């Protein structure tokens, strides 16, 4: 009986060592499932083809979920937004103010490439929409096309978690939803903190 017990104990120990070695091999790698939320601040400027403009400091949030398609290559679905509260506004050369909020919302695929030093570049072509609320009245554009490009650096904070900082440049082109409405062009430059799980 004892030889059998010792044999089972030996097999269990070998399995534990193998599992530990596999876990060690898979740590600090960009492979498998991928999650990356980011939170930041920046500046957004929106302008219409009929000379109205809106700009101000923005709060940004993004969330990407996907899977690696190669070592250090990630394909994900990316949802992101930039929100500016009480922006500076002008129409036909006259400035305006009020209790306003403008939101740029986007969703689309994202490809991320990492270097061996954990720098990364992401590109996300997106469907975008701009919504503006002023003094209780709200309006939104049609869905349009946009893009976000990001360049960042992460540091490993655990076997599968990395914390980082990222600079982002975003663009959106949207037609107003009204009859013969103007076209909105929006630019945003932001810096954010990211937390990545791989």
N, C-alpha and C. Protein backbone atom coordinates (compact mmCIF):
# COMPACT_ATOMS: atom_id res chain seq x y z
N UNK A 1 0.83 -1.21 0.00
CA UNK A 1 0.00 0.00 0.00
C UNK A 1 0.86 1.26 0.00
N UNK A 2 1.94 1.21 0.83
CA UNK A 2 2.80 2.40 0.92
C UNK A 2 3.43 2.75 -0.43
N UNK A 3 3.95 1.77 -1.19
CA UNK A 3 4.51 2.12 -2.50
C UNK A 3 3.49 2.80 -3.40
N UNK A 4 2.23 2.33 -3.30
CA UNK A 4 1.18 2.94 -4.12
C UNK A 4 0.95 4.40 -3.71
N UNK A 5 0.91 4.65 -2.39
CA UNK A 5 0.72 6.01 -1.89
C UNK A 5 1.85 6.91 -2.32
N UNK A 6 3.09 6.39 -2.17
CA UNK A 6 4.25 7.20 -2.57
C UNK A 6 4.25 7.47 -4.07
N UNK A 7 3.77 6.47 -4.83
CA UNK A 7 3.71 6.65 -6.28
C UNK A 7 2.69 7.73 -6.64
N UNK A 8 1.52 7.74 -5.97
CA UNK A 8 0.51 8.77 -6.22
C UNK A 8 1.02 10.15 -5.82
N UNK A 9 1.71 10.19 -4.66
CA UNK A 9 2.26 11.46 -4.20
C UNK A 9 3.28 11.99 -5.20
N UNK A 10 4.08 11.09 -5.75
CA UNK A 10 5.08 11.50 -6.73
C UNK A 10 4.45 12.03 -8.00
N UNK A 11 3.37 11.36 -8.45
CA UNK A 11 2.67 11.82 -9.65
C UNK A 11 2.02 13.19 -9.42
N UNK A 12 1.42 13.37 -8.23
CA UNK A 12 0.79 14.66 -7.91
C UNK A 12 1.83 15.78 -7.87
N UNK A 13 2.99 15.48 -7.28
CA UNK A 13 4.06 16.48 -7.20
C UNK A 13 4.57 16.82 -8.60
N UNK A 14 4.72 15.82 -9.44
CA UNK A 14 5.19 16.06 -10.81
C UNK A 14 4.18 16.90 -11.59
N UNK A 15 2.89 16.59 -11.39
CA UNK A 15 1.85 17.37 -12.08
C UNK A 15 1.85 18.81 -11.61
N UNK A 16 2.04 19.03 -10.30
CA UNK A 16 2.07 20.38 -9.76
C UNK A 16 3.26 21.16 -10.29
N UNK A 17 4.42 20.50 -10.38
CA UNK A 17 5.62 21.14 -10.91
C UNK A 17 5.43 21.49 -12.38
N UNK A 18 4.80 20.57 -13.15
CA UNK A 18 4.55 20.83 -14.57
C UNK A 18 3.59 21.99 -14.75
N UNK A 19 2.53 22.03 -13.91
CA UNK A 19 1.57 23.13 -14.00
C UNK A 19 2.22 24.45 -13.66
N UNK A 20 3.09 24.43 -12.64
CA UNK A 20 3.79 25.65 -12.24
C UNK A 20 4.72 26.13 -13.35
N UNK A 21 5.40 25.18 -13.99
CA UNK A 21 6.32 25.54 -15.08
C UNK A 21 5.54 26.11 -16.26
N UNK A 22 4.35 25.52 -16.55
CA UNK A 22 3.53 26.03 -17.66
C UNK A 22 3.02 27.44 -17.35
N UNK A 23 2.60 27.65 -16.09
CA UNK A 23 2.12 28.97 -15.68
C UNK A 23 3.24 30.00 -15.80
N UNK A 24 4.46 29.61 -15.38
CA UNK A 24 5.61 30.50 -15.46
C UNK A 24 5.92 30.84 -16.92
N UNK A 25 5.76 29.83 -17.79
CA UNK A 25 6.05 30.04 -19.21
C UNK A 25 5.05 31.00 -19.84
N UNK A 26 3.80 30.98 -19.35
CA UNK A 26 2.76 31.82 -19.93
C UNK A 26 2.68 33.20 -19.30
N UNK A 27 3.39 33.45 -18.20
CA UNK A 27 3.34 34.76 -17.55
C UNK A 27 4.21 35.76 -18.30
N UNK A 28 3.87 37.06 -18.13
CA UNK A 28 4.60 38.16 -18.77
C UNK A 28 4.67 37.99 -20.28
N UNK A 29 3.54 37.51 -20.85
CA UNK A 29 3.45 37.35 -22.30
C UNK A 29 2.13 37.93 -22.79
N UNK A 30 2.14 38.45 -24.00
CA UNK A 30 0.91 38.93 -24.62
C UNK A 30 0.38 37.81 -25.51
N UNK A 31 -0.34 36.89 -24.86
CA UNK A 31 -0.90 35.73 -25.55
C UNK A 31 -2.18 35.33 -24.83
N UNK A 32 -3.12 34.77 -25.59
CA UNK A 32 -4.38 34.35 -24.98
C UNK A 32 -5.39 35.49 -24.93
N UNK A 33 -6.28 35.43 -23.91
CA UNK A 33 -7.31 36.45 -23.76
C UNK A 33 -6.72 37.80 -23.42
N UNK A 34 -7.48 38.86 -23.73
CA UNK A 34 -6.99 40.22 -23.59
C UNK A 34 -8.10 41.13 -23.10
N UNK A 35 -7.83 41.89 -22.05
CA UNK A 35 -8.74 42.93 -21.54
C UNK A 35 -7.92 44.17 -21.25
N UNK A 36 -8.41 45.35 -21.70
CA UNK A 36 -7.68 46.58 -21.38
C UNK A 36 -8.64 47.76 -21.21
N UNK A 37 -8.95 48.15 -19.98
CA UNK A 37 -9.65 49.41 -19.76
C UNK A 37 -8.64 50.55 -19.66
N UNK A 38 -9.06 51.77 -20.02
CA UNK A 38 -8.20 52.93 -19.83
C UNK A 38 -9.05 54.13 -19.44
N UNK A 39 -8.46 55.02 -18.67
CA UNK A 39 -9.16 56.19 -18.15
C UNK A 39 -8.21 57.37 -18.22
N UNK A 40 -8.68 58.51 -18.77
CA UNK A 40 -7.76 59.62 -18.93
C UNK A 40 -8.43 60.96 -19.10
N UNK A 41 -7.62 61.95 -19.47
CA UNK A 41 -8.08 63.31 -19.70
C UNK A 41 -7.41 63.84 -20.97
N UNK A 42 -8.00 64.89 -21.53
CA UNK A 42 -7.40 65.47 -22.73
C UNK A 42 -8.16 66.68 -23.20
N UNK A 43 -8.06 66.95 -24.48
CA UNK A 43 -8.69 68.13 -25.09
C UNK A 43 -9.41 67.69 -26.35
N UNK A 44 -10.64 68.19 -26.53
CA UNK A 44 -11.41 67.85 -27.72
C UNK A 44 -11.90 69.13 -28.39
N UNK A 45 -11.88 69.13 -29.71
CA UNK A 45 -12.36 70.28 -30.49
C UNK A 45 -13.28 69.75 -31.58
N UNK A 46 -14.49 70.32 -31.65
CA UNK A 46 -15.46 69.94 -32.67
C UNK A 46 -15.83 71.17 -33.48
N UNK A 47 -15.97 70.98 -34.78
CA UNK A 47 -16.33 72.10 -35.66
C UNK A 47 -17.29 71.59 -36.72
N UNK A 48 -18.27 72.43 -37.09
CA UNK A 48 -19.21 72.05 -38.13
C UNK A 48 -18.90 72.79 -39.42
N UNK A 49 -19.46 72.28 -40.51
CA UNK A 49 -19.22 72.89 -41.81
C UNK A 49 -19.93 74.24 -41.96
N UNK A 50 -20.82 74.59 -41.01
CA UNK A 50 -21.47 75.91 -41.07
C UNK A 50 -20.90 76.86 -40.02
N UNK A 51 -19.66 76.60 -39.59
CA UNK A 51 -18.89 77.53 -38.75
C UNK A 51 -19.23 77.54 -37.26
N UNK A 52 -19.92 76.56 -36.77
CA UNK A 52 -20.11 76.43 -35.33
C UNK A 52 -18.94 75.60 -34.77
N UNK A 53 -18.55 75.88 -33.54
CA UNK A 53 -17.45 75.14 -32.93
C UNK A 53 -17.70 74.92 -31.44
N UNK A 54 -17.02 73.91 -30.93
CA UNK A 54 -17.18 73.52 -29.53
C UNK A 54 -15.86 72.90 -29.10
N UNK A 55 -15.35 73.28 -27.93
CA UNK A 55 -14.07 72.73 -27.50
C UNK A 55 -13.94 72.80 -25.99
N UNK A 56 -13.03 71.99 -25.44
CA UNK A 56 -12.79 72.02 -24.00
C UNK A 56 -12.06 70.79 -23.51
N UNK A 57 -11.77 70.78 -22.21
CA UNK A 57 -11.12 69.63 -21.59
C UNK A 57 -12.08 68.45 -21.57
N UNK A 58 -11.55 67.27 -21.82
CA UNK A 58 -12.39 66.09 -21.95
C UNK A 58 -11.98 64.99 -20.98
N UNK A 59 -12.97 64.23 -20.54
CA UNK A 59 -12.74 63.00 -19.79
C UNK A 59 -12.86 61.85 -20.79
N UNK A 60 -11.97 60.87 -20.70
CA UNK A 60 -12.00 59.78 -21.67
C UNK A 60 -12.05 58.43 -20.97
N UNK A 61 -12.72 57.49 -21.62
CA UNK A 61 -12.78 56.13 -21.13
C UNK A 61 -12.77 55.18 -22.31
N UNK A 62 -12.09 54.06 -22.16
CA UNK A 62 -12.09 53.05 -23.21
C UNK A 62 -12.04 51.66 -22.61
N UNK A 63 -12.55 50.69 -23.37
CA UNK A 63 -12.47 49.29 -22.93
C UNK A 63 -12.32 48.42 -24.17
N UNK A 64 -11.29 47.59 -24.16
CA UNK A 64 -11.03 46.67 -25.27
C UNK A 64 -11.01 45.24 -24.74
N UNK A 65 -11.63 44.32 -25.47
CA UNK A 65 -11.65 42.90 -25.11
C UNK A 65 -11.42 42.08 -26.36
N UNK A 66 -10.48 41.14 -26.28
CA UNK A 66 -10.19 40.35 -27.46
C UNK A 66 -9.27 39.19 -27.15
N UNK A 67 -8.47 38.82 -28.14
CA UNK A 67 -7.59 37.66 -28.03
C UNK A 67 -6.36 37.88 -28.90
N UNK A 68 -5.26 37.26 -28.50
CA UNK A 68 -4.04 37.38 -29.31
C UNK A 68 -4.18 36.52 -30.57
N UNK A 69 -3.74 37.06 -31.69
CA UNK A 69 -3.73 36.30 -32.94
C UNK A 69 -2.31 35.86 -33.28
N UNK A 70 -1.35 36.36 -32.51
CA UNK A 70 0.04 35.96 -32.61
C UNK A 70 0.73 36.45 -31.33
N UNK A 71 1.93 36.01 -31.10
CA UNK A 71 2.68 36.52 -29.95
C UNK A 71 2.85 38.04 -30.10
N UNK A 72 2.35 38.81 -29.11
CA UNK A 72 2.43 40.28 -29.10
C UNK A 72 1.52 40.96 -30.12
N UNK A 73 0.60 40.22 -30.70
CA UNK A 73 -0.36 40.81 -31.63
C UNK A 73 -1.78 40.52 -31.16
N UNK A 74 -2.56 41.58 -30.92
CA UNK A 74 -3.88 41.43 -30.31
C UNK A 74 -4.96 42.00 -31.23
N UNK A 75 -6.06 41.28 -31.38
CA UNK A 75 -7.24 41.77 -32.08
C UNK A 75 -8.38 41.83 -31.07
N UNK A 76 -9.03 43.00 -30.96
CA UNK A 76 -10.04 43.20 -29.93
C UNK A 76 -11.20 44.05 -30.45
N UNK A 77 -12.30 44.04 -29.69
CA UNK A 77 -13.40 44.97 -29.90
C UNK A 77 -13.19 46.12 -28.92
N UNK A 78 -13.22 47.34 -29.43
CA UNK A 78 -12.87 48.51 -28.63
C UNK A 78 -14.05 49.48 -28.58
N UNK A 79 -14.47 49.83 -27.37
CA UNK A 79 -15.48 50.86 -27.14
C UNK A 79 -14.80 52.02 -26.42
N UNK A 80 -14.96 53.24 -26.93
CA UNK A 80 -14.31 54.38 -26.28
C UNK A 80 -15.17 55.62 -26.40
N UNK A 81 -14.93 56.56 -25.49
CA UNK A 81 -15.67 57.82 -25.53
C UNK A 81 -14.83 58.95 -24.97
N UNK A 82 -15.19 60.16 -25.36
CA UNK A 82 -14.61 61.39 -24.82
C UNK A 82 -15.76 62.32 -24.49
N UNK A 83 -15.78 62.85 -23.27
CA UNK A 83 -16.87 63.69 -22.80
C UNK A 83 -16.31 65.04 -22.38
N UNK A 84 -16.88 66.14 -22.91
CA UNK A 84 -16.47 67.49 -22.52
C UNK A 84 -17.67 68.17 -21.88
N UNK A 85 -17.47 68.71 -20.68
CA UNK A 85 -18.55 69.35 -19.93
C UNK A 85 -18.36 70.87 -19.96
N UNK A 86 -19.46 71.57 -20.17
CA UNK A 86 -19.45 73.03 -20.26
C UNK A 86 -18.35 73.54 -21.19
N UNK A 87 -18.38 73.12 -22.44
CA UNK A 87 -17.33 73.52 -23.39
C UNK A 87 -17.48 74.98 -23.82
N UNK A 88 -16.41 75.50 -24.40
CA UNK A 88 -16.48 76.80 -25.07
C UNK A 88 -17.17 76.59 -26.41
N UNK A 89 -18.16 77.44 -26.73
CA UNK A 89 -18.92 77.27 -27.96
C UNK A 89 -18.98 78.59 -28.72
N UNK A 90 -19.06 78.49 -30.03
CA UNK A 90 -19.24 79.69 -30.85
C UNK A 90 -20.08 79.36 -32.07
N UNK A 91 -20.78 80.35 -32.57
CA UNK A 91 -21.63 80.18 -33.75
C UNK A 91 -21.59 81.47 -34.55
N UNK A 92 -21.08 81.39 -35.76
CA UNK A 92 -21.00 82.58 -36.61
C UNK A 92 -20.16 83.69 -36.02
N UNK A 93 -19.11 83.33 -35.29
CA UNK A 93 -18.22 84.32 -34.71
C UNK A 93 -18.64 84.80 -33.33
N UNK A 94 -19.84 84.43 -32.87
CA UNK A 94 -20.31 84.84 -31.54
C UNK A 94 -20.15 83.68 -30.56
N UNK A 95 -19.59 83.99 -29.40
CA UNK A 95 -19.38 82.95 -28.39
C UNK A 95 -20.66 82.71 -27.62
N UNK A 96 -20.79 81.52 -27.07
CA UNK A 96 -21.96 81.16 -26.28
C UNK A 96 -21.52 80.29 -25.12
N UNK A 97 -22.35 80.23 -24.10
CA UNK A 97 -22.05 79.40 -22.94
C UNK A 97 -23.36 78.86 -22.40
N UNK A 98 -23.26 77.87 -21.56
CA UNK A 98 -24.46 77.28 -20.97
C UNK A 98 -24.10 75.97 -20.31
N UNK A 99 -25.08 75.36 -19.72
CA UNK A 99 -24.88 74.07 -19.08
C UNK A 99 -24.93 72.99 -20.15
N UNK A 100 -23.76 72.66 -20.69
CA UNK A 100 -23.70 71.77 -21.86
C UNK A 100 -22.77 70.59 -21.62
N UNK A 101 -23.05 69.52 -22.34
CA UNK A 101 -22.18 68.35 -22.36
C UNK A 101 -22.14 67.81 -23.78
N UNK A 102 -20.94 67.53 -24.27
CA UNK A 102 -20.78 66.93 -25.60
C UNK A 102 -20.05 65.60 -25.44
N UNK A 103 -20.55 64.57 -26.09
CA UNK A 103 -19.98 63.23 -25.96
C UNK A 103 -19.67 62.66 -27.34
N UNK A 104 -18.45 62.19 -27.50
CA UNK A 104 -18.06 61.45 -28.69
C UNK A 104 -17.97 59.98 -28.31
N UNK A 105 -18.84 59.15 -28.89
CA UNK A 105 -18.90 57.71 -28.58
C UNK A 105 -18.46 56.92 -29.80
N UNK A 106 -17.71 55.85 -29.59
CA UNK A 106 -17.19 55.08 -30.72
C UNK A 106 -17.09 53.60 -30.38
N UNK A 107 -17.22 52.77 -31.41
CA UNK A 107 -17.05 51.32 -31.26
C UNK A 107 -16.45 50.77 -32.55
N UNK A 108 -15.53 49.84 -32.42
CA UNK A 108 -14.91 49.26 -33.60
C UNK A 108 -13.82 48.26 -33.25
N UNK A 109 -13.24 47.62 -34.26
CA UNK A 109 -12.15 46.68 -34.02
C UNK A 109 -10.87 47.44 -33.66
N UNK A 110 -10.00 46.76 -32.95
CA UNK A 110 -8.71 47.37 -32.60
C UNK A 110 -7.61 46.33 -32.77
N UNK A 111 -6.52 46.76 -33.37
CA UNK A 111 -5.32 45.91 -33.44
C UNK A 111 -4.23 46.55 -32.61
N UNK A 112 -3.59 45.75 -31.75
CA UNK A 112 -2.51 46.22 -30.89
C UNK A 112 -1.27 45.38 -31.13
N UNK A 113 -0.13 46.04 -31.28
CA UNK A 113 1.15 45.36 -31.43
C UNK A 113 2.08 45.79 -30.29
N UNK A 114 2.67 44.82 -29.60
CA UNK A 114 3.60 45.07 -28.51
C UNK A 114 5.04 44.79 -28.95
N UNK A 115 5.98 45.53 -28.37
CA UNK A 115 7.40 45.24 -28.56
C UNK A 115 7.88 44.40 -27.38
N UNK A 116 9.09 43.90 -27.45
CA UNK A 116 9.62 43.09 -26.35
C UNK A 116 9.83 43.92 -25.09
N UNK A 117 9.92 45.25 -25.22
CA UNK A 117 10.07 46.13 -24.06
C UNK A 117 8.73 46.63 -23.52
N UNK A 118 7.64 46.08 -24.04
CA UNK A 118 6.28 46.39 -23.59
C UNK A 118 5.80 47.78 -24.01
N UNK A 119 6.39 48.36 -25.03
CA UNK A 119 5.76 49.49 -25.70
C UNK A 119 4.68 48.92 -26.62
N UNK A 120 3.64 49.70 -26.87
CA UNK A 120 2.59 49.19 -27.75
C UNK A 120 2.02 50.30 -28.61
N UNK A 121 1.48 49.87 -29.76
CA UNK A 121 0.78 50.76 -30.68
C UNK A 121 -0.56 50.13 -31.00
N UNK A 122 -1.63 50.92 -30.93
CA UNK A 122 -2.98 50.43 -31.24
C UNK A 122 -3.62 51.33 -32.29
N UNK A 123 -4.39 50.70 -33.17
CA UNK A 123 -5.16 51.44 -34.16
C UNK A 123 -6.59 50.90 -34.14
N UNK A 124 -7.57 51.80 -34.11
CA UNK A 124 -8.96 51.38 -33.97
C UNK A 124 -9.87 52.17 -34.93
N UNK A 125 -10.13 51.66 -36.14
CA UNK A 125 -11.15 52.28 -37.00
C UNK A 125 -12.51 52.05 -36.36
N UNK A 126 -13.36 53.08 -36.32
CA UNK A 126 -14.57 53.00 -35.51
C UNK A 126 -15.78 53.63 -36.18
N UNK A 127 -16.95 53.15 -35.74
CA UNK A 127 -18.19 53.85 -35.97
C UNK A 127 -18.36 54.85 -34.83
N UNK A 128 -18.69 56.10 -35.14
CA UNK A 128 -18.72 57.13 -34.11
C UNK A 128 -20.03 57.92 -34.17
N UNK A 129 -20.34 58.55 -33.04
CA UNK A 129 -21.52 59.40 -32.95
C UNK A 129 -21.24 60.51 -31.95
N UNK A 130 -21.72 61.72 -32.24
CA UNK A 130 -21.56 62.87 -31.35
C UNK A 130 -22.93 63.26 -30.82
N UNK A 131 -23.02 63.40 -29.51
CA UNK A 131 -24.27 63.84 -28.87
C UNK A 131 -23.98 65.10 -28.06
N UNK A 132 -24.88 66.08 -28.14
CA UNK A 132 -24.72 67.34 -27.41
C UNK A 132 -26.00 67.62 -26.63
N UNK A 133 -25.84 67.96 -25.36
CA UNK A 133 -26.97 68.35 -24.52
C UNK A 133 -26.70 69.75 -23.99
N UNK A 134 -27.64 70.67 -24.19
CA UNK A 134 -27.49 72.06 -23.76
C UNK A 134 -28.77 72.54 -23.09
N UNK A 135 -28.62 72.92 -21.83
CA UNK A 135 -29.76 73.46 -21.08
C UNK A 135 -31.01 72.58 -21.19
N UNK A 136 -30.80 71.27 -21.04
CA UNK A 136 -31.93 70.34 -21.06
C UNK A 136 -32.36 69.88 -22.44
N UNK A 137 -31.82 70.48 -23.51
CA UNK A 137 -32.16 70.07 -24.87
C UNK A 137 -31.00 69.25 -25.43
N UNK A 138 -31.34 68.17 -26.15
CA UNK A 138 -30.30 67.28 -26.64
C UNK A 138 -30.47 67.00 -28.13
N UNK A 139 -29.36 66.67 -28.76
CA UNK A 139 -29.36 66.31 -30.17
C UNK A 139 -28.16 65.43 -30.46
N UNK A 140 -28.18 64.73 -31.56
CA UNK A 140 -27.08 63.83 -31.90
C UNK A 140 -26.89 63.78 -33.40
N UNK A 141 -25.70 63.45 -33.81
CA UNK A 141 -25.40 63.28 -35.23
C UNK A 141 -25.79 61.87 -35.66
N UNK A 142 -25.71 61.64 -36.96
CA UNK A 142 -25.78 60.28 -37.47
C UNK A 142 -24.49 59.55 -37.11
N UNK A 143 -24.53 58.23 -37.20
CA UNK A 143 -23.30 57.46 -37.03
C UNK A 143 -22.37 57.76 -38.19
N UNK A 144 -21.11 57.95 -37.88
CA UNK A 144 -20.12 58.27 -38.90
C UNK A 144 -18.88 57.42 -38.73
N UNK A 145 -17.80 57.86 -39.35
CA UNK A 145 -16.55 57.13 -39.31
C UNK A 145 -15.52 57.88 -38.48
N UNK A 146 -14.73 57.13 -37.77
CA UNK A 146 -13.70 57.73 -36.94
C UNK A 146 -12.50 56.80 -36.80
N UNK A 147 -11.53 57.25 -36.04
CA UNK A 147 -10.30 56.50 -35.85
C UNK A 147 -9.66 56.92 -34.53
N UNK A 148 -9.07 55.97 -33.83
CA UNK A 148 -8.23 56.31 -32.68
C UNK A 148 -6.90 55.58 -32.83
N UNK A 149 -5.81 56.32 -32.70
CA UNK A 149 -4.47 55.75 -32.70
C UNK A 149 -3.85 56.00 -31.33
N UNK A 150 -3.18 54.98 -30.78
CA UNK A 150 -2.63 55.08 -29.43
C UNK A 150 -1.19 54.58 -29.41
N UNK A 151 -0.37 55.23 -28.60
CA UNK A 151 1.01 54.82 -28.39
C UNK A 151 1.27 54.83 -26.90
N UNK A 152 1.73 53.70 -26.35
CA UNK A 152 1.87 53.63 -24.90
C UNK A 152 3.00 52.73 -24.45
N UNK A 153 3.14 52.67 -23.14
CA UNK A 153 4.15 51.85 -22.49
C UNK A 153 3.54 51.22 -21.25
N UNK A 154 3.76 49.93 -21.05
CA UNK A 154 3.25 49.24 -19.88
C UNK A 154 4.38 48.58 -19.10
N UNK A 155 4.11 48.40 -17.79
CA UNK A 155 5.04 47.71 -16.91
C UNK A 155 4.28 46.57 -16.24
N UNK A 156 4.89 45.39 -16.17
CA UNK A 156 4.23 44.24 -15.57
C UNK A 156 4.03 44.49 -14.07
N UNK A 157 2.78 44.33 -13.62
CA UNK A 157 2.45 44.47 -12.20
C UNK A 157 2.09 43.12 -11.59
N UNK A 158 2.11 42.07 -12.37
CA UNK A 158 1.81 40.71 -11.93
C UNK A 158 2.13 39.78 -13.07
N UNK A 159 1.81 38.49 -12.91
CA UNK A 159 2.14 37.53 -13.96
C UNK A 159 1.37 37.80 -15.25
N UNK A 160 0.14 38.33 -15.11
CA UNK A 160 -0.68 38.56 -16.29
C UNK A 160 -1.21 39.99 -16.39
N UNK A 161 -0.90 40.84 -15.42
CA UNK A 161 -1.41 42.21 -15.41
C UNK A 161 -0.29 43.21 -15.71
N UNK A 162 -0.60 44.17 -16.55
CA UNK A 162 0.32 45.26 -16.83
C UNK A 162 -0.36 46.61 -16.62
N UNK A 163 0.36 47.56 -16.04
CA UNK A 163 -0.15 48.92 -15.86
C UNK A 163 0.66 49.85 -16.76
N UNK A 164 -0.02 50.83 -17.36
CA UNK A 164 0.70 51.67 -18.29
C UNK A 164 0.12 53.05 -18.47
N UNK A 165 0.77 53.81 -19.33
CA UNK A 165 0.32 55.15 -19.71
C UNK A 165 0.31 55.20 -21.23
N UNK A 166 -0.69 55.88 -21.80
CA UNK A 166 -0.87 55.86 -23.24
C UNK A 166 -1.33 57.22 -23.74
N UNK A 167 -0.77 57.66 -24.87
CA UNK A 167 -1.22 58.86 -25.55
C UNK A 167 -2.14 58.47 -26.70
N UNK A 168 -3.23 59.23 -26.88
CA UNK A 168 -4.24 58.86 -27.88
C UNK A 168 -4.57 60.05 -28.77
N UNK A 169 -4.78 59.78 -30.04
CA UNK A 169 -5.22 60.78 -31.00
C UNK A 169 -6.46 60.23 -31.69
N UNK A 170 -7.57 60.99 -31.63
CA UNK A 170 -8.85 60.52 -32.16
C UNK A 170 -9.41 61.49 -33.18
N UNK A 171 -10.13 60.94 -34.16
CA UNK A 171 -10.76 61.73 -35.21
C UNK A 171 -12.14 61.17 -35.47
N UNK A 172 -13.12 62.05 -35.73
CA UNK A 172 -14.47 61.61 -36.07
C UNK A 172 -15.09 62.55 -37.10
N UNK A 173 -15.81 61.99 -38.07
CA UNK A 173 -16.53 62.75 -39.08
C UNK A 173 -17.98 62.29 -39.06
N UNK A 174 -18.91 63.23 -38.81
CA UNK A 174 -20.31 62.86 -38.66
C UNK A 174 -21.22 63.90 -39.30
N UNK A 175 -22.25 63.43 -40.00
CA UNK A 175 -23.27 64.32 -40.52
C UNK A 175 -24.34 64.54 -39.47
N UNK A 176 -24.82 65.77 -39.36
CA UNK A 176 -25.88 66.06 -38.41
C UNK A 176 -27.15 65.31 -38.82
N UNK A 177 -27.93 64.92 -37.82
CA UNK A 177 -29.12 64.11 -38.11
C UNK A 177 -30.27 64.95 -38.69
N UNK A 178 -30.19 66.28 -38.64
CA UNK A 178 -31.26 67.12 -39.17
C UNK A 178 -31.26 67.17 -40.69
N UNK A 179 -32.31 67.74 -41.24
CA UNK A 179 -32.43 67.88 -42.71
C UNK A 179 -31.35 68.83 -43.21
N UNK A 180 -30.56 68.38 -44.19
CA UNK A 180 -29.46 69.18 -44.75
C UNK A 180 -28.56 69.73 -43.64
N UNK A 181 -28.35 68.93 -42.62
CA UNK A 181 -27.52 69.35 -41.50
C UNK A 181 -26.05 69.44 -41.86
N UNK A 182 -25.28 70.14 -41.07
CA UNK A 182 -23.84 70.29 -41.34
C UNK A 182 -23.07 69.01 -41.01
N UNK A 183 -21.84 68.98 -41.40
CA UNK A 183 -20.94 67.87 -41.07
C UNK A 183 -20.06 68.28 -39.89
N UNK A 184 -19.98 67.41 -38.90
CA UNK A 184 -19.14 67.65 -37.73
C UNK A 184 -17.78 66.98 -37.92
N UNK A 185 -16.74 67.72 -37.57
CA UNK A 185 -15.39 67.16 -37.51
C UNK A 185 -14.88 67.31 -36.09
N UNK A 186 -14.45 66.22 -35.50
CA UNK A 186 -13.99 66.25 -34.11
C UNK A 186 -12.58 65.67 -34.01
N UNK A 187 -11.73 66.39 -33.27
CA UNK A 187 -10.39 65.93 -32.96
C UNK A 187 -10.24 65.85 -31.45
N UNK A 188 -9.53 64.86 -30.96
CA UNK A 188 -9.26 64.76 -29.53
C UNK A 188 -7.84 64.24 -29.30
N UNK A 189 -7.13 64.90 -28.41
CA UNK A 189 -5.82 64.41 -27.97
C UNK A 189 -5.92 64.14 -26.48
N UNK A 190 -5.56 62.95 -26.07
CA UNK A 190 -5.75 62.55 -24.68
C UNK A 190 -4.57 61.74 -24.17
N UNK A 191 -4.44 61.70 -22.86
CA UNK A 191 -3.47 60.84 -22.21
C UNK A 191 -4.22 60.04 -21.15
N UNK A 192 -3.93 58.75 -21.06
CA UNK A 192 -4.71 57.88 -20.19
C UNK A 192 -3.81 56.87 -19.48
N UNK A 193 -4.35 56.33 -18.41
CA UNK A 193 -3.72 55.23 -17.70
C UNK A 193 -4.46 53.94 -18.06
N UNK A 194 -3.70 52.88 -18.31
CA UNK A 194 -4.30 51.63 -18.74
C UNK A 194 -3.94 50.49 -17.78
N UNK A 195 -4.81 49.48 -17.76
CA UNK A 195 -4.56 48.25 -17.01
C UNK A 195 -4.89 47.10 -17.93
N UNK A 196 -3.89 46.29 -18.28
CA UNK A 196 -4.07 45.24 -19.27
C UNK A 196 -3.94 43.87 -18.65
N UNK A 197 -4.89 42.99 -18.99
CA UNK A 197 -4.81 41.58 -18.60
C UNK A 197 -4.55 40.75 -19.84
N UNK A 198 -3.52 39.90 -19.76
CA UNK A 198 -3.20 38.95 -20.83
C UNK A 198 -3.00 37.57 -20.25
